[in-house]
Amino acid sequence: MYAHLNAAAAREAVVPQLNWPSSGAPRTEMLSAERDAGVRLVAALARAAIDFLSGPQREQLRACNAPRCVRYFVKSHGRQEWCKPSCGNRARAARHYQRHNAVTG
């Protein structure tokens, strides 16, 4: 899997450039000679994924525990189990349904 990610990132050669306006803070801009916007987009997404997967936030990556949800999220607090509030509601409703049906069924 990571070979595909590396190949996608390598499709665009970029050079970091320092931009330091006289009235503002310095920032880095990436300079590219690639004309195809699709190639630039895929390469930028691949670089961002590589940065994320090799960085400290990788340890907080979780799969959503809600029924039928296939999303992943970065856990931002200790008790977070779902990618968004609606998934939490769906999970609570499913637990309630299971409890109710186990008692009456």
PDB file of N, CA and C in Angstrom:
ATOM      1  N   MET A   1       0.821  -1.195   0.000  1.00  0.00           N
ATOM      2  CA  MET A   1       0.000   0.000   0.000  1.00  0.00           C
ATOM      3  C   MET A   1       0.867   1.261   0.000  1.00  0.00           C
ATOM      4  N   TYR A   2       1.881   1.288   0.842  1.00  0.00           N
ATOM      5  CA  TYR A   2       2.678   2.504   0.910  1.00  0.00           C
ATOM      6  C   TYR A   2       3.495   2.744  -0.358  1.00  0.00           C
ATOM      7  N   ALA A   3       3.776   1.716  -1.155  1.00  0.00           N
ATOM      8  CA  ALA A   3       4.503   1.922  -2.405  1.00  0.00           C
ATOM      9  C   ALA A   3       3.666   2.767  -3.363  1.00  0.00           C
ATOM     10  N   HIS A   4       2.358   2.524  -3.379  1.00  0.00           N
ATOM     11  CA  HIS A   4       1.453   3.305  -4.230  1.00  0.00           C
ATOM     12  C   HIS A   4       1.430   4.765  -3.762  1.00  0.00           C
ATOM     13  N   LEU A   5       1.407   4.963  -2.454  1.00  0.00           N
ATOM     14  CA  LEU A   5       1.415   6.315  -1.885  1.00  0.00           C
ATOM     15  C   LEU A   5       2.707   7.045  -2.245  1.00  0.00           C
ATOM     16  N   ASN A   6       3.831   6.364  -2.102  1.00  0.00           N
ATOM     17  CA  ASN A   6       5.115   6.965  -2.460  1.00  0.00           C
ATOM     18  C   ASN A   6       5.190   7.306  -3.939  1.00  0.00           C
ATOM     19  N   ALA A   7       4.660   6.418  -4.785  1.00  0.00           N
ATOM     20  CA  ALA A   7       4.674   6.669  -6.229  1.00  0.00           C
ATOM     21  C   ALA A   7       3.808   7.873  -6.579  1.00  0.00           C
ATOM     22  N   ALA A   8       2.658   7.997  -5.928  1.00  0.00           N
ATOM     23  CA  ALA A   8       1.781   9.143  -6.188  1.00  0.00           C
ATOM     24  C   ALA A   8       2.452  10.443  -5.765  1.00  0.00           C
ATOM     25  N   ALA A   9       3.124  10.436  -4.635  1.00  0.00           N
ATOM     26  CA  ALA A   9       3.824  11.636  -4.165  1.00  0.00           C
ATOM     27  C   ALA A   9       4.972  12.008  -5.098  1.00  0.00           C
ATOM     28  N   ALA A  10       5.607  11.014  -5.686  1.00  0.00           N
ATOM     29  CA  ALA A  10       6.764  11.255  -6.552  1.00  0.00           C
ATOM     30  C   ALA A  10       6.386  11.760  -7.944  1.00  0.00           C
ATOM     31  N   ARG A  11       5.111  11.749  -8.284  1.00  0.00           N
ATOM     32  CA  ARG A  11       4.700  12.197  -9.625  1.00  0.00           C
ATOM     33  C   ARG A  11       4.906  13.689  -9.827  1.00  0.00           C
ATOM     34  N   GLU A  12       5.070  14.426  -8.738  1.00  0.00           N
ATOM     35  CA  GLU A  12       5.278  15.869  -8.855  1.00  0.00           C
ATOM     36  C   GLU A  12       6.559  16.250  -8.123  1.00  0.00           C
ATOM     37  N   ALA A  13       7.472  16.831  -8.850  1.00  0.00           N
ATOM     38  CA  ALA A  13       8.691  17.348  -8.217  1.00  0.00           C
ATOM     39  C   ALA A  13       8.390  18.746  -7.686  1.00  0.00           C
ATOM     40  N   VAL A  14       8.594  18.939  -6.395  1.00  0.00           N
ATOM     41  CA  VAL A  14       8.341  20.238  -5.783  1.00  0.00           C
ATOM     42  C   VAL A  14       9.610  20.744  -5.106  1.00  0.00           C
ATOM     43  N   VAL A  15       9.716  22.064  -5.069  1.00  0.00           N
ATOM     44  CA  VAL A  15      10.850  22.716  -4.430  1.00  0.00           C
ATOM     45  C   VAL A  15      10.302  23.706  -3.418  1.00  0.00           C
ATOM     46  N   PRO A  16      10.706  23.573  -2.149  1.00  0.00           N
ATOM     47  CA  PRO A  16      10.219  24.544  -1.172  1.00  0.00           C
ATOM     48  C   PRO A  16      10.862  25.916  -1.409  1.00  0.00           C
ATOM     49  N   GLN A  17      10.052  26.940  -1.298  1.00  0.00           N
ATOM     50  CA  GLN A  17      10.519  28.319  -1.471  1.00  0.00           C
ATOM     51  C   GLN A  17      10.123  29.120  -0.238  1.00  0.00           C
ATOM     52  N   LEU A  18      11.020  29.963   0.231  1.00  0.00           N
ATOM     53  CA  LEU A  18      10.720  30.833   1.363  1.00  0.00           C
ATOM     54  C   LEU A  18      10.072  32.110   0.843  1.00  0.00           C
ATOM     55  N   ASN A  19       8.915  32.436   1.381  1.00  0.00           N
ATOM     56  CA  ASN A  19       8.234  33.691   1.055  1.00  0.00           C
ATOM     57  C   ASN A  19       8.160  34.490   2.353  1.00  0.00           C
ATOM     58  N   TRP A  20       8.817  35.664   2.379  1.00  0.00           N
ATOM     59  CA  TRP A  20       8.880  36.461   3.589  1.00  0.00           C
ATOM     60  C   TRP A  20       8.526  37.901   3.255  1.00  0.00           C
ATOM     61  N   PRO A  21       7.224  38.219   3.270  1.00  0.00           N
ATOM     62  CA  PRO A  21       6.814  39.583   2.952  1.00  0.00           C
ATOM     63  C   PRO A  21       7.286  40.554   4.041  1.00  0.00           C
ATOM     64  N   SER A  22       7.509  41.785   3.654  1.00  0.00           N
ATOM     65  CA  SER A  22       8.031  42.773   4.605  1.00  0.00           C
ATOM     66  C   SER A  22       7.055  43.052   5.743  1.00  0.00           C
ATOM     67  N   SER A  23       5.774  42.858   5.504  1.00  0.00           N
ATOM     68  CA  SER A  23       4.794  43.167   6.548  1.00  0.00           C
ATOM     69  C   SER A  23       4.183  41.918   7.196  1.00  0.00           C
ATOM     70  N   GLY A  24       4.791  40.780   7.026  1.00  0.00           N
ATOM     71  CA  GLY A  24       4.185  39.570   7.566  1.00  0.00           C
ATOM     72  C   GLY A  24       5.204  38.541   7.998  1.00  0.00           C
ATOM     73  N   ALA A  25       4.707  37.421   8.425  1.00  0.00           N
ATOM     74  CA  ALA A  25       5.546  36.314   8.874  1.00  0.00           C
ATOM     75  C   ALA A  25       6.036  35.494   7.691  1.00  0.00           C
ATOM     76  N   PRO A  26       7.197  34.878   7.828  1.00  0.00           N
ATOM     77  CA  PRO A  26       7.689  34.024   6.736  1.00  0.00           C
ATOM     78  C   PRO A  26       6.854  32.757   6.625  1.00  0.00           C
ATOM     79  N   ARG A  27       6.761  32.255   5.412  1.00  0.00           N
ATOM     80  CA  ARG A  27       6.053  31.005   5.181  1.00  0.00           C
ATOM     81  C   ARG A  27       6.719  30.256   4.030  1.00  0.00           C
ATOM     82  N   THR A  28       6.448  28.970   3.999  1.00  0.00           N
ATOM     83  CA  THR A  28       6.997  28.124   2.949  1.00  0.00           C
ATOM     84  C   THR A  28       5.947  27.920   1.871  1.00  0.00           C
ATOM     85  N   GLU A  29       6.344  28.029   0.629  1.00  0.00           N
ATOM     86  CA  GLU A  29       5.484  27.715  -0.499  1.00  0.00           C
ATOM     87  C   GLU A  29       6.181  26.651  -1.327  1.00  0.00           C
ATOM     88  N   MET A  30       5.382  25.784  -1.910  1.00  0.00           N
ATOM     89  CA  MET A  30       5.947  24.724  -2.737  1.00  0.00           C
ATOM     90  C   MET A  30       5.853  25.137  -4.205  1.00  0.00           C
ATOM     91  N   LEU A  31       6.968  25.126  -4.886  1.00  0.00           N
ATOM     92  CA  LEU A  31       7.045  25.506  -6.287  1.00  0.00           C
ATOM     93  C   LEU A  31       7.084  24.243  -7.134  1.00  0.00           C
ATOM     94  N   SER A  32       6.216  24.189  -8.145  1.00  0.00           N
ATOM     95  CA  SER A  32       6.123  23.015  -8.996  1.00  0.00           C
ATOM     96  C   SER A  32       6.083  23.445 -10.452  1.00  0.00           C
ATOM     97  N   ALA A  33       6.677  22.632 -11.305  1.00  0.00           N
ATOM     98  CA  ALA A  33       6.614  22.862 -12.743  1.00  0.00           C
ATOM     99  C   ALA A  33       5.524  22.013 -13.396  1.00  0.00           C
ATOM    100  N   GLU A  34       4.831  21.206 -12.608  1.00  0.00           N
ATOM    101  CA  GLU A  34       3.782  20.322 -13.129  1.00  0.00           C
ATOM    102  C   GLU A  34       2.590  21.147 -13.585  1.00  0.00           C
ATOM    103  N   ARG A  35       2.148  20.920 -14.812  1.00  0.00           N
ATOM    104  CA  ARG A  35       1.019  21.678 -15.369  1.00  0.00           C
ATOM    105  C   ARG A  35      -0.331  21.025 -15.080  1.00  0.00           C
ATOM    106  N   ASP A  36      -0.346  19.717 -14.943  1.00  0.00           N
ATOM    107  CA  ASP A  36      -1.597  18.986 -14.758  1.00  0.00           C
ATOM    108  C   ASP A  36      -2.086  19.147 -13.315  1.00  0.00           C
ATOM    109  N   ALA A  37      -3.225  19.816 -13.156  1.00  0.00           N
ATOM    110  CA  ALA A  37      -3.775  20.057 -11.817  1.00  0.00           C
ATOM    111  C   ALA A  37      -4.128  18.757 -11.111  1.00  0.00           C
ATOM    112  N   GLY A  38      -4.560  17.749 -11.849  1.00  0.00           N
ATOM    113  CA  GLY A  38      -4.885  16.455 -11.253  1.00  0.00           C
ATOM    114  C   GLY A  38      -3.668  15.790 -10.642  1.00  0.00           C
ATOM    115  N   VAL A  39      -2.555  15.845 -11.358  1.00  0.00           N
ATOM    116  CA  VAL A  39      -1.305  15.277 -10.841  1.00  0.00           C
ATOM    117  C   VAL A  39      -0.871  16.041  -9.593  1.00  0.00           C
ATOM    118  N   ARG A  40      -0.969  17.374  -9.631  1.00  0.00           N
ATOM    119  CA  ARG A  40      -0.591  18.185  -8.463  1.00  0.00           C
ATOM    120  C   ARG A  40      -1.460  17.834  -7.256  1.00  0.00           C
ATOM    121  N   LEU A  41      -2.761  17.675  -7.480  1.00  0.00           N
ATOM    122  CA  LEU A  41      -3.673  17.353  -6.386  1.00  0.00           C
ATOM    123  C   LEU A  41      -3.362  15.989  -5.775  1.00  0.00           C
ATOM    124  N   VAL A  42      -3.226  14.970  -6.615  1.00  0.00           N
ATOM    125  CA  VAL A  42      -2.948  13.620  -6.108  1.00  0.00           C
ATOM    126  C   VAL A  42      -1.611  13.592  -5.371  1.00  0.00           C
ATOM    127  N   ALA A  43      -0.611  14.254  -5.912  1.00  0.00           N
ATOM    128  CA  ALA A  43       0.705  14.284  -5.264  1.00  0.00           C
ATOM    129  C   ALA A  43       0.630  15.018  -3.926  1.00  0.00           C
ATOM    130  N   ALA A  44      -0.098  16.123  -3.867  1.00  0.00           N
ATOM    131  CA  ALA A  44      -0.233  16.871  -2.611  1.00  0.00           C
ATOM    132  C   ALA A  44      -0.964  16.038  -1.561  1.00  0.00           C
ATOM    133  N   LEU A  45      -2.020  15.333  -1.966  1.00  0.00           N
ATOM    134  CA  LEU A  45      -2.732  14.466  -1.034  1.00  0.00           C
ATOM    135  C   LEU A  45      -1.844  13.326  -0.545  1.00  0.00           C
ATOM    136  N   ALA A  46      -1.059  12.767  -1.438  1.00  0.00           N
ATOM    137  CA  ALA A  46      -0.151  11.684  -1.048  1.00  0.00           C
ATOM    138  C   ALA A  46       0.910  12.203  -0.068  1.00  0.00           C
ATOM    139  N   ARG A  47       1.460  13.385  -0.326  1.00  0.00           N
ATOM    140  CA  ARG A  47       2.449  13.965   0.607  1.00  0.00           C
ATOM    141  C   ARG A  47       1.820  14.227   1.979  1.00  0.00           C
ATOM    142  N   ALA A  48       0.582  14.725   1.983  1.00  0.00           N
ATOM    143  CA  ALA A  48      -0.101  14.975   3.255  1.00  0.00           C
ATOM    144  C   ALA A  48      -0.335  13.663   4.006  1.00  0.00           C
ATOM    145  N   ALA A  49      -0.717  12.610   3.290  1.00  0.00           N
ATOM    146  CA  ALA A  49      -0.923  11.302   3.926  1.00  0.00           C
ATOM    147  C   ALA A  49       0.385  10.762   4.490  1.00  0.00           C
ATOM    148  N   ILE A  50       1.470  10.923   3.747  1.00  0.00           N
ATOM    149  CA  ILE A  50       2.781  10.476   4.219  1.00  0.00           C
ATOM    150  C   ILE A  50       3.175  11.245   5.481  1.00  0.00           C
ATOM    151  N   ASP A  51       2.978  12.560   5.475  1.00  0.00           N
ATOM    152  CA  ASP A  51       3.286  13.369   6.660  1.00  0.00           C
ATOM    153  C   ASP A  51       2.460  12.907   7.857  1.00  0.00           C
ATOM    154  N   PHE A  52       1.172  12.661   7.634  1.00  0.00           N
ATOM    155  CA  PHE A  52       0.298  12.221   8.727  1.00  0.00           C
ATOM    156  C   PHE A  52       0.722  10.858   9.254  1.00  0.00           C
ATOM    157  N   LEU A  53       0.893   9.890   8.352  1.00  0.00           N
ATOM    158  CA  LEU A  53       1.199   8.525   8.769  1.00  0.00           C
ATOM    159  C   LEU A  53       2.570   8.377   9.408  1.00  0.00           C
ATOM    160  N   SER A  54       3.468   9.300   9.152  1.00  0.00           N
ATOM    161  CA  SER A  54       4.800   9.238   9.757  1.00  0.00           C
ATOM    162  C   SER A  54       4.937  10.196  10.931  1.00  0.00           C
ATOM    163  N   GLY A  55       3.850  10.884  11.281  1.00  0.00           N
ATOM    164  CA  GLY A  55       3.895  11.864  12.356  1.00  0.00           C
ATOM    165  C   GLY A  55       3.267  11.368  13.646  1.00  0.00           C
ATOM    166  N   PRO A  56       3.266  12.208  14.664  1.00  0.00           N
ATOM    167  CA  PRO A  56       2.766  11.813  15.984  1.00  0.00           C
ATOM    168  C   PRO A  56       1.256  11.591  16.049  1.00  0.00           C
ATOM    169  N   GLN A  57       0.476  12.219  15.168  1.00  0.00           N
ATOM    170  CA  GLN A  57      -0.976  12.037  15.213  1.00  0.00           C
ATOM    171  C   GLN A  57      -1.409  10.649  14.761  1.00  0.00           C
ATOM    172  N   ARG A  58      -0.535   9.933  14.101  1.00  0.00           N
ATOM    173  CA  ARG A  58      -0.845   8.574  13.632  1.00  0.00           C
ATOM    174  C   ARG A  58      -1.326   7.698  14.784  1.00  0.00           C
ATOM    175  N   GLU A  59      -0.786   7.913  15.982  1.00  0.00           N
ATOM    176  CA  GLU A  59      -1.176   7.113  17.144  1.00  0.00           C
ATOM    177  C   GLU A  59      -2.625   7.345  17.544  1.00  0.00           C
ATOM    178  N   GLN A  60      -3.216   8.453  17.108  1.00  0.00           N
ATOM    179  CA  GLN A  60      -4.595   8.773  17.471  1.00  0.00           C
ATOM    180  C   GLN A  60      -5.601   8.381  16.387  1.00  0.00           C
ATOM    181  N   LEU A  61      -5.155   7.767  15.312  1.00  0.00           N
ATOM    182  CA  LEU A  61      -6.042   7.344  14.227  1.00  0.00           C
ATOM    183  C   LEU A  61      -6.911   6.186  14.699  1.00  0.00           C
ATOM    184  N   ARG A  62      -8.225   6.320  14.514  1.00  0.00           N
ATOM    185  CA  ARG A  62      -9.173   5.306  14.959  1.00  0.00           C
ATOM    186  C   ARG A  62     -10.208   5.038  13.871  1.00  0.00           C
ATOM    187  N   ALA A  63     -10.756   3.834  13.878  1.00  0.00           N
ATOM    188  CA  ALA A  63     -11.904   3.511  13.039  1.00  0.00           C
ATOM    189  C   ALA A  63     -13.154   3.838  13.843  1.00  0.00           C
ATOM    190  N   CYS A  64     -14.143   4.399  13.196  1.00  0.00           N
ATOM    191  CA  CYS A  64     -15.406   4.737  13.864  1.00  0.00           C
ATOM    192  C   CYS A  64     -16.114   3.456  14.288  1.00  0.00           C
ATOM    193  N   ASN A  65     -16.632   3.448  15.522  1.00  0.00           N
ATOM    194  CA  ASN A  65     -17.306   2.265  16.065  1.00  0.00           C
ATOM    195  C   ASN A  65     -18.794   2.217  15.755  1.00  0.00           C
ATOM    196  N   ALA A  66     -19.325   3.175  15.045  1.00  0.00           N
ATOM    197  CA  ALA A  66     -20.765   3.202  14.766  1.00  0.00           C
ATOM    198  C   ALA A  66     -21.134   2.143  13.724  1.00  0.00           C
ATOM    199  N   PRO A  67     -22.333   1.590  13.849  1.00  0.00           N
ATOM    200  CA  PRO A  67     -22.792   0.611  12.850  1.00  0.00           C
ATOM    201  C   PRO A  67     -22.816   1.218  11.441  1.00  0.00           C
ATOM    202  N   ARG A  68     -22.338   0.477  10.482  1.00  0.00           N
ATOM    203  CA  ARG A  68     -22.341   0.845   9.058  1.00  0.00           C
ATOM    204  C   ARG A  68     -21.432   2.010   8.708  1.00  0.00           C
ATOM    205  N   CYS A  69     -20.639   2.505   9.637  1.00  0.00           N
ATOM    206  CA  CYS A  69     -19.721   3.606   9.309  1.00  0.00           C
ATOM    207  C   CYS A  69     -18.363   3.025   8.926  1.00  0.00           C
ATOM    208  N   VAL A  70     -17.778   3.543   7.861  1.00  0.00           N
ATOM    209  CA  VAL A  70     -16.486   3.059   7.381  1.00  0.00           C
ATOM    210  C   VAL A  70     -15.402   4.136   7.495  1.00  0.00           C
ATOM    211  N   ARG A  71     -15.699   5.195   8.221  1.00  0.00           N
ATOM    212  CA  ARG A  71     -14.766   6.314   8.322  1.00  0.00           C
ATOM    213  C   ARG A  71     -13.704   6.085   9.397  1.00  0.00           C
ATOM    214  N   TYR A  72     -12.613   6.802   9.232  1.00  0.00           N
ATOM    215  CA  TYR A  72     -11.562   6.886  10.240  1.00  0.00           C
ATOM    216  C   TYR A  72     -11.523   8.320  10.731  1.00  0.00           C
ATOM    217  N   PHE A  73     -10.995   8.523  11.931  1.00  0.00           N
ATOM    218  CA  PHE A  73     -10.895   9.869  12.480  1.00  0.00           C
ATOM    219  C   PHE A  73      -9.678   9.938  13.393  1.00  0.00           C
ATOM    220  N   VAL A  74      -9.268  11.161  13.698  1.00  0.00           N
ATOM    221  CA  VAL A  74      -8.186  11.391  14.645  1.00  0.00           C
ATOM    222  C   VAL A  74      -8.823  11.683  15.994  1.00  0.00           C
ATOM    223  N   LYS A  75      -8.562  10.842  16.950  1.00  0.00           N
ATOM    224  CA  LYS A  75      -9.152  10.956  18.280  1.00  0.00           C
ATOM    225  C   LYS A  75      -8.645  12.227  18.952  1.00  0.00           C
ATOM    226  N   SER A  76      -9.584  13.102  19.345  1.00  0.00           N
ATOM    227  CA  SER A  76      -9.181  14.391  19.912  1.00  0.00           C
ATOM    228  C   SER A  76      -9.357  14.451  21.427  1.00  0.00           C
ATOM    229  N   HIS A  77     -10.064  13.481  22.024  1.00  0.00           N
ATOM    230  CA  HIS A  77     -10.166  13.416  23.477  1.00  0.00           C
ATOM    231  C   HIS A  77     -10.353  11.967  23.911  1.00  0.00           C
ATOM    232  N   GLY A  78     -10.132  11.709  25.174  1.00  0.00           N
ATOM    233  CA  GLY A  78     -10.043  10.351  25.694  1.00  0.00           C
ATOM    234  C   GLY A  78     -11.221   9.436  25.453  1.00  0.00           C
ATOM    235  N   ARG A  79     -12.443   9.950  25.478  1.00  0.00           N
ATOM    236  CA  ARG A  79     -13.611   9.080  25.372  1.00  0.00           C
ATOM    237  C   ARG A  79     -14.216   9.058  23.976  1.00  0.00           C
ATOM    238  N   GLN A  80     -13.598   9.681  23.026  1.00  0.00           N
ATOM    239  CA  GLN A  80     -14.156   9.748  21.670  1.00  0.00           C
ATOM    240  C   GLN A  80     -14.125   8.368  21.005  1.00  0.00           C
ATOM    241  N   GLU A  81     -15.287   7.935  20.514  1.00  0.00           N
ATOM    242  CA  GLU A  81     -15.401   6.635  19.856  1.00  0.00           C
ATOM    243  C   GLU A  81     -15.916   6.734  18.427  1.00  0.00           C
ATOM    244  N   TRP A  82     -16.439   7.905  18.043  1.00  0.00           N
ATOM    245  CA  TRP A  82     -17.093   8.041  16.746  1.00  0.00           C
ATOM    246  C   TRP A  82     -16.503   9.205  15.977  1.00  0.00           C
ATOM    247  N   CYS A  83     -16.671   9.144  14.658  1.00  0.00           N
ATOM    248  CA  CYS A  83     -16.108  10.181  13.790  1.00  0.00           C
ATOM    249  C   CYS A  83     -16.907  11.481  13.851  1.00  0.00           C
ATOM    250  N   LYS A  84     -18.209  11.387  14.152  1.00  0.00           N
ATOM    251  CA  LYS A  84     -19.052  12.584  14.232  1.00  0.00           C
ATOM    252  C   LYS A  84     -20.255  12.289  15.131  1.00  0.00           C
ATOM    253  N   PRO A  85     -20.927  13.321  15.607  1.00  0.00           N
ATOM    254  CA  PRO A  85     -22.052  13.111  16.528  1.00  0.00           C
ATOM    255  C   PRO A  85     -23.155  12.212  15.985  1.00  0.00           C
ATOM    256  N   SER A  86     -23.457  12.293  14.709  1.00  0.00           N
ATOM    257  CA  SER A  86     -24.530  11.446  14.168  1.00  0.00           C
ATOM    258  C   SER A  86     -24.164   9.963  14.260  1.00  0.00           C
ATOM    259  N   CYS A  87     -22.888   9.631  14.169  1.00  0.00           N
ATOM    260  CA  CYS A  87     -22.476   8.235  14.340  1.00  0.00           C
ATOM    261  C   CYS A  87     -22.651   7.811  15.793  1.00  0.00           C
ATOM    262  N   GLY A  88     -22.377   8.703  16.718  1.00  0.00           N
ATOM    263  CA  GLY A  88     -22.609   8.406  18.130  1.00  0.00           C
ATOM    264  C   GLY A  88     -24.083   8.158  18.401  1.00  0.00           C
ATOM    265  N   ASN A  89     -24.947   8.980  17.816  1.00  0.00           N
ATOM    266  CA  ASN A  89     -26.389   8.781  17.972  1.00  0.00           C
ATOM    267  C   ASN A  89     -26.825   7.439  17.399  1.00  0.00           C
ATOM    268  N   ARG A  90     -26.294   7.086  16.235  1.00  0.00           N
ATOM    269  CA  ARG A  90     -26.656   5.810  15.596  1.00  0.00           C
ATOM    270  C   ARG A  90     -26.189   4.635  16.460  1.00  0.00           C
ATOM    271  N   ALA A  91     -24.997   4.734  17.050  1.00  0.00           N
ATOM    272  CA  ALA A  91     -24.489   3.657  17.901  1.00  0.00           C
ATOM    273  C   ALA A  91     -25.331   3.518  19.170  1.00  0.00           C
ATOM    274  N   ARG A  92     -25.703   4.634  19.776  1.00  0.00           N
ATOM    275  CA  ARG A  92     -26.545   4.576  20.979  1.00  0.00           C
ATOM    276  C   ARG A  92     -27.926   3.998  20.644  1.00  0.00           C
ATOM    277  N   ALA A  93     -28.489   4.393  19.516  1.00  0.00           N
ATOM    278  CA  ALA A  93     -29.791   3.861  19.095  1.00  0.00           C
ATOM    279  C   ALA A  93     -29.701   2.356  18.841  1.00  0.00           C
ATOM    280  N   ALA A  94     -28.622   1.898  18.248  1.00  0.00           N
ATOM    281  CA  ALA A  94     -28.447   0.464  17.985  1.00  0.00           C
ATOM    282  C   ALA A  94     -28.326  -0.308  19.292  1.00  0.00           C
ATOM    283  N   ARG A  95     -27.598   0.232  20.262  1.00  0.00           N
ATOM    284  CA  ARG A  95     -27.489  -0.436  21.568  1.00  0.00           C
ATOM    285  C   ARG A  95     -28.851  -0.507  22.250  1.00  0.00           C
ATOM    286  N   HIS A  96     -29.598   0.589  22.179  1.00  0.00           N
ATOM    287  CA  HIS A  96     -30.938   0.610  22.775  1.00  0.00           C
ATOM    288  C   HIS A  96     -31.831  -0.431  22.100  1.00  0.00           C
ATOM    289  N   TYR A  97     -31.785  -0.495  20.808  1.00  0.00           N
ATOM    290  CA  TYR A  97     -32.594  -1.466  20.051  1.00  0.00           C
ATOM    291  C   TYR A  97     -32.240  -2.888  20.463  1.00  0.00           C
ATOM    292  N   GLN A  98     -30.939  -3.177  20.571  1.00  0.00           N
ATOM    293  CA  GLN A  98     -30.512  -4.518  20.958  1.00  0.00           C
ATOM    294  C   GLN A  98     -30.967  -4.866  22.367  1.00  0.00           C
ATOM    295  N   ARG A  99     -30.841  -3.920  23.300  1.00  0.00           N
ATOM    296  CA  ARG A  99     -31.294  -4.169  24.675  1.00  0.00           C
ATOM    297  C   ARG A  99     -32.792  -4.416  24.729  1.00  0.00           C
ATOM    298  N   HIS A 100     -33.544  -3.597  24.004  1.00  0.00           N
ATOM    299  CA  HIS A 100     -35.015  -3.707  24.012  1.00  0.00           C
ATOM    300  C   HIS A 100     -35.451  -5.043  23.402  1.00  0.00           C
ATOM    301  N   ASN A 101     -34.848  -5.424  22.300  1.00  0.00           N
ATOM    302  CA  ASN A 101     -35.220  -6.675  21.626  1.00  0.00           C
ATOM    303  C   ASN A 101     -34.763  -7.904  22.413  1.00  0.00           C
ATOM    304  N   ALA A 102     -33.682  -7.797  23.157  1.00  0.00           N
ATOM    305  CA  ALA A 102     -33.217  -8.936  23.954  1.00  0.00           C
ATOM    306  C   ALA A 102     -34.178  -9.198  25.101  1.00  0.00           C
ATOM    307  N   VAL A 103     -34.796  -8.137  25.626  1.00  0.00           N
ATOM    308  CA  VAL A 103     -35.727  -8.280  26.756  1.00  0.00           C
ATOM    309  C   VAL A 103     -37.078  -8.782  26.290  1.00  0.00           C
ATOM    310  N   THR A 104     -37.587  -8.229  25.177  1.00  0.00           N
ATOM    311  CA  THR A 104     -38.931  -8.581  24.708  1.00  0.00           C
ATOM    312  C   THR A 104     -38.953  -9.732  23.713  1.00  0.00           C
ATOM    313  N   GLY A 105     -37.820 -10.045  23.100  1.00  0.00           N
ATOM    314  CA  GLY A 105     -37.832 -11.047  22.032  1.00  0.00           C
ATOM    315  C   GLY A 105     -37.382 -12.324  22.480  1.00  0.00           C
TER     316      GLY A 105
END
